Amino acid sequence: MKDKISNIIPTIFAEIESDGCNESEKLLEYYLDCTAKERAVVDNVLLYLCGWTFETLLGKCGIRIGEKGALPDVLQEE
């Protein structure tokens, strides 16, 4: 059973890569529509998958979320 459990995350990543679709925009829209509790769930799942919350990952992409949970702007690389 332990060998099957250790395949969960690699299987998720393989499935993400295999469909050829980039669902980043839909994921961002979903996250912005989430309540604080729902965002916490998304963040916890991403912490297990990659070690970062979604808001931190957005920051790495140059995207900020404002105080009220909306996109105040998308930071442009200089």
C-alpha atoms as a PDB file:
ATOM      1  CA  MET A   1       0.000   0.000   0.000  1.00  0.00           C
ATOM      2  CA  LYS A   2       2.819   2.439   0.866  1.00  0.00           C
ATOM      3  CA  ASP A   3       4.222   2.188  -2.688  1.00  0.00           C
ATOM      4  CA  LYS A   4       0.788   3.083  -4.062  1.00  0.00           C
ATOM      5  CA  ILE A   5       0.445   6.039  -1.717  1.00  0.00           C
ATOM      6  CA  SER A   6       3.843   7.408  -2.773  1.00  0.00           C
ATOM      7  CA  ASN A   7       2.558   7.523  -6.369  1.00  0.00           C
ATOM      8  CA  ILE A   8      -0.220  10.053  -5.668  1.00  0.00           C
ATOM      9  CA  ILE A   9       1.743  13.261  -6.300  1.00  0.00           C
ATOM     10  CA  PRO A  10       3.744  11.926  -9.279  1.00  0.00           C
ATOM     11  CA  THR A  11       0.458  10.746 -10.828  1.00  0.00           C
ATOM     12  CA  ILE A  12      -1.109  14.190 -10.324  1.00  0.00           C
ATOM     13  CA  PHE A  13       1.862  15.877 -12.019  1.00  0.00           C
ATOM     14  CA  ALA A  14       1.834  13.365 -14.882  1.00  0.00           C
ATOM     15  CA  GLU A  15      -1.874  13.991 -15.438  1.00  0.00           C
ATOM     16  CA  ILE A  16      -1.354  17.760 -15.418  1.00  0.00           C
ATOM     17  CA  GLU A  17       1.352  17.440 -18.067  1.00  0.00           C
ATOM     18  CA  SER A  18      -0.504  14.907 -20.211  1.00  0.00           C
ATOM     19  CA  ASP A  19      -3.638  16.811 -21.190  1.00  0.00           C
ATOM     20  CA  GLY A  20      -1.857  19.624 -23.026  1.00  0.00           C
ATOM     21  CA  CYS A  21      -4.154  22.298 -21.587  1.00  0.00           C
ATOM     22  CA  ASN A  22      -2.975  25.175 -19.449  1.00  0.00           C
ATOM     23  CA  GLU A  23      -5.776  25.869 -16.990  1.00  0.00           C
ATOM     24  CA  SER A  24      -3.901  28.658 -15.159  1.00  0.00           C
ATOM     25  CA  GLU A  25      -6.498  31.323 -15.910  1.00  0.00           C
ATOM     26  CA  LYS A  26      -9.367  29.111 -14.752  1.00  0.00           C
ATOM     27  CA  LEU A  27      -7.478  28.202 -11.579  1.00  0.00           C
ATOM     28  CA  LEU A  28      -6.870  31.874 -10.823  1.00  0.00           C
ATOM     29  CA  GLU A  29     -10.541  32.722 -11.447  1.00  0.00           C
ATOM     30  CA  TYR A  30     -11.586  29.858  -9.182  1.00  0.00           C
ATOM     31  CA  TYR A  31      -9.222  30.990  -6.424  1.00  0.00           C
ATOM     32  CA  LEU A  32     -10.425  34.597  -6.608  1.00  0.00           C
ATOM     33  CA  ASP A  33     -14.042  33.429  -6.255  1.00  0.00           C
ATOM     34  CA  CYS A  34     -13.237  31.297  -3.184  1.00  0.00           C
ATOM     35  CA  THR A  35     -14.166  32.206   0.358  1.00  0.00           C
ATOM     36  CA  ALA A  36     -11.336  32.481   2.885  1.00  0.00           C
ATOM     37  CA  LYS A  37     -11.991  28.893   4.015  1.00  0.00           C
ATOM     38  CA  GLU A  38     -11.993  27.609   0.442  1.00  0.00           C
ATOM     39  CA  ARG A  39      -8.735  29.447  -0.290  1.00  0.00           C
ATOM     40  CA  ALA A  40      -7.220  27.784   2.763  1.00  0.00           C
ATOM     41  CA  VAL A  41      -8.114  24.376   1.310  1.00  0.00           C
ATOM     42  CA  VAL A  42      -6.577  25.274  -2.067  1.00  0.00           C
ATOM     43  CA  ASP A  43      -3.470  26.567  -0.307  1.00  0.00           C
ATOM     44  CA  ASN A  44      -3.139  23.422   1.817  1.00  0.00           C
ATOM     45  CA  VAL A  45      -3.379  21.158  -1.225  1.00  0.00           C
ATOM     46  CA  LEU A  46      -0.761  23.211  -3.071  1.00  0.00           C
ATOM     47  CA  LEU A  47       1.490  23.178  -0.011  1.00  0.00           C
ATOM     48  CA  TYR A  48       1.443  19.390  -0.135  1.00  0.00           C
ATOM     49  CA  LEU A  49       2.027  19.314  -3.891  1.00  0.00           C
ATOM     50  CA  CYS A  50       4.746  21.912  -4.296  1.00  0.00           C
ATOM     51  CA  GLY A  51       5.534  23.521  -0.935  1.00  0.00           C
ATOM     52  CA  TRP A  52       3.975  26.923  -1.703  1.00  0.00           C
ATOM     53  CA  THR A  53       0.568  28.542  -1.252  1.00  0.00           C
ATOM     54  CA  PHE A  54      -1.250  29.690  -4.364  1.00  0.00           C
ATOM     55  CA  GLU A  55      -0.804  33.338  -3.420  1.00  0.00           C
ATOM     56  CA  THR A  56       2.960  32.777  -3.125  1.00  0.00           C
ATOM     57  CA  LEU A  57       3.016  31.066  -6.518  1.00  0.00           C
ATOM     58  CA  LEU A  58       1.079  33.989  -7.986  1.00  0.00           C
ATOM     59  CA  GLY A  59       3.697  36.340  -6.543  1.00  0.00           C
ATOM     60  CA  LYS A  60       6.418  34.323  -8.264  1.00  0.00           C
ATOM     61  CA  CYS A  61       4.500  34.989 -11.509  1.00  0.00           C
ATOM     62  CA  GLY A  62       4.256  38.732 -10.781  1.00  0.00           C
ATOM     63  CA  ILE A  63       0.577  38.640  -9.777  1.00  0.00           C
ATOM     64  CA  ARG A  64      -0.697  40.222  -6.547  1.00  0.00           C
ATOM     65  CA  ILE A  65      -3.980  39.750  -4.757  1.00  0.00           C
ATOM     66  CA  GLY A  66      -5.378  42.861  -3.052  1.00  0.00           C
ATOM     67  CA  GLU A  67      -6.726  43.212   0.464  1.00  0.00           C
ATOM     68  CA  LYS A  68     -10.256  42.314  -0.634  1.00  0.00           C
ATOM     69  CA  GLY A  69      -9.137  39.230  -2.542  1.00  0.00           C
ATOM     70  CA  ALA A  70      -9.223  40.736  -6.020  1.00  0.00           C
ATOM     71  CA  LEU A  71      -6.437  41.372  -8.509  1.00  0.00           C
ATOM     72  CA  PRO A  72      -5.363  44.982  -8.037  1.00  0.00           C
ATOM     73  CA  ASP A  73      -3.049  44.650 -10.984  1.00  0.00           C
ATOM     74  CA  VAL A  74      -0.716  42.329 -12.767  1.00  0.00           C
ATOM     75  CA  LEU A  75       2.846  43.395 -12.212  1.00  0.00           C
ATOM     76  CA  GLN A  76       4.792  43.923 -15.389  1.00  0.00           C
ATOM     77  CA  GLU A  77       8.353  42.717 -15.627  1.00  0.00           C
ATOM     78  CA  GLU A  78      10.772  45.513 -16.306  1.00  0.00           C
END
